[in-house]
Amino acid sequence: MGALTKEDVKEIIDEAIENKVKDFYINREEHYQHHQFVKSFIELMQTSRKTAMRVIIGSATVAVIGLVVAGFWGRIRAFMGG
């Protein structure tokens, strides 16, 4: 075995680095697709939250109006003697 050349050293170092970092390799297209999925999921959750709040507020409003109408209806019936 003779002395190592600069190319031999470079090749050995490249192999060592490749072996160490291969677990950290990220497929760019797959990574981008994951970000797109997360983005669409966040948008869906924001839309769902807005819709849920509208339904809750709308239901509470209808319930309050219903109670007010029922109260007035009961007073009118009591006033009319019924």
Protein backbone atom coordinates (compact mmCIF):
# COMPACT_ATOMS: atom_id res chain seq x y z
CA MET A 1 0.00 0.00 0.00
CA GLY A 2 1.49 3.28 -1.08
CA ALA A 3 0.98 6.84 0.05
CA LEU A 4 -2.49 8.25 -0.31
CA THR A 5 -3.02 10.79 -3.01
CA LYS A 6 -5.12 13.89 -2.64
CA GLU A 7 -7.89 12.19 -4.68
CA ASP A 8 -7.79 9.12 -2.39
CA VAL A 9 -8.17 11.30 0.71
CA LYS A 10 -10.98 13.28 -0.91
CA GLU A 11 -12.81 10.06 -1.83
CA ILE A 12 -12.42 8.64 1.69
CA ILE A 13 -13.69 11.86 3.27
CA ASP A 14 -16.62 12.07 0.82
CA GLU A 15 -17.65 8.49 1.67
CA ALA A 16 -17.39 9.16 5.41
CA ILE A 17 -19.51 12.32 5.14
CA GLU A 18 -22.06 10.57 2.93
CA ASN A 19 -22.39 7.72 5.45
CA LYS A 20 -22.91 10.18 8.31
CA VAL A 21 -25.45 12.45 6.61
CA LYS A 22 -27.51 9.91 4.63
CA ASP A 23 -30.02 9.66 7.53
CA PHE A 24 -30.63 13.38 7.26
CA TYR A 25 -31.32 13.41 3.51
CA ILE A 26 -34.57 15.14 2.61
CA ASN A 27 -36.34 14.50 -0.65
CA ARG A 28 -37.19 18.03 -1.72
CA GLU A 29 -40.35 17.18 -3.66
CA GLU A 30 -41.75 15.02 -0.86
CA HIS A 31 -40.86 17.71 1.69
CA TYR A 32 -42.66 20.32 -0.43
CA GLN A 33 -45.74 18.07 -0.69
CA HIS A 34 -45.77 17.68 3.10
CA HIS A 35 -45.73 21.46 3.49
CA GLN A 36 -48.60 21.77 1.01
CA PHE A 37 -50.61 19.19 2.99
CA VAL A 38 -49.94 20.97 6.29
CA LYS A 39 -50.92 24.29 4.71
CA SER A 40 -54.21 22.89 3.38
CA PHE A 41 -54.91 21.21 6.74
CA ILE A 42 -54.38 24.50 8.60
CA GLU A 43 -56.68 26.31 6.15
CA LEU A 44 -59.32 23.60 6.65
CA MET A 45 -59.09 23.93 10.45
CA GLN A 46 -59.40 27.72 10.26
CA THR A 47 -62.46 27.43 8.02
CA SER A 48 -63.97 24.78 10.30
CA ARG A 49 -63.36 26.95 13.36
CA LYS A 50 -65.04 29.94 11.71
CA THR A 51 -68.00 27.79 10.66
CA ALA A 52 -68.31 26.26 14.13
CA MET A 53 -68.26 29.70 15.77
CA ARG A 54 -70.94 30.96 13.38
CA VAL A 55 -73.13 27.95 14.18
CA ILE A 56 -72.63 28.36 17.94
CA ILE A 57 -73.32 32.09 17.87
CA GLY A 58 -76.29 31.62 15.54
CA SER A 59 -77.76 28.88 17.74
CA ALA A 60 -77.33 30.99 20.88
CA THR A 61 -78.97 33.97 19.16
CA VAL A 62 -81.94 31.87 18.03
CA ALA A 63 -82.25 30.40 21.53
CA VAL A 64 -82.29 33.86 23.14
CA ILE A 65 -84.84 35.14 20.63
CA GLY A 66 -86.93 32.02 21.25
CA LEU A 67 -86.84 32.57 25.01
CA VAL A 68 -87.80 36.23 24.61
CA VAL A 69 -90.70 35.34 22.30
CA ALA A 70 -91.84 32.55 24.64
CA GLY A 71 -91.70 34.94 27.59
CA PHE A 72 -93.75 37.57 25.79
CA TRP A 73 -96.18 34.92 24.58
CA GLY A 74 -96.62 33.69 28.16
CA ARG A 75 -97.22 37.26 29.43
CA ILE A 76 -99.73 37.94 26.66
CA ARG A 77 -101.61 34.73 27.44
CA ALA A 78 -101.57 35.55 31.18
CA PHE A 79 -102.75 39.10 30.46
CA MET A 80 -105.54 37.83 28.23
CA GLY A 81 -106.64 35.45 30.94
CA GLY A 82 -105.81 32.31 29.04
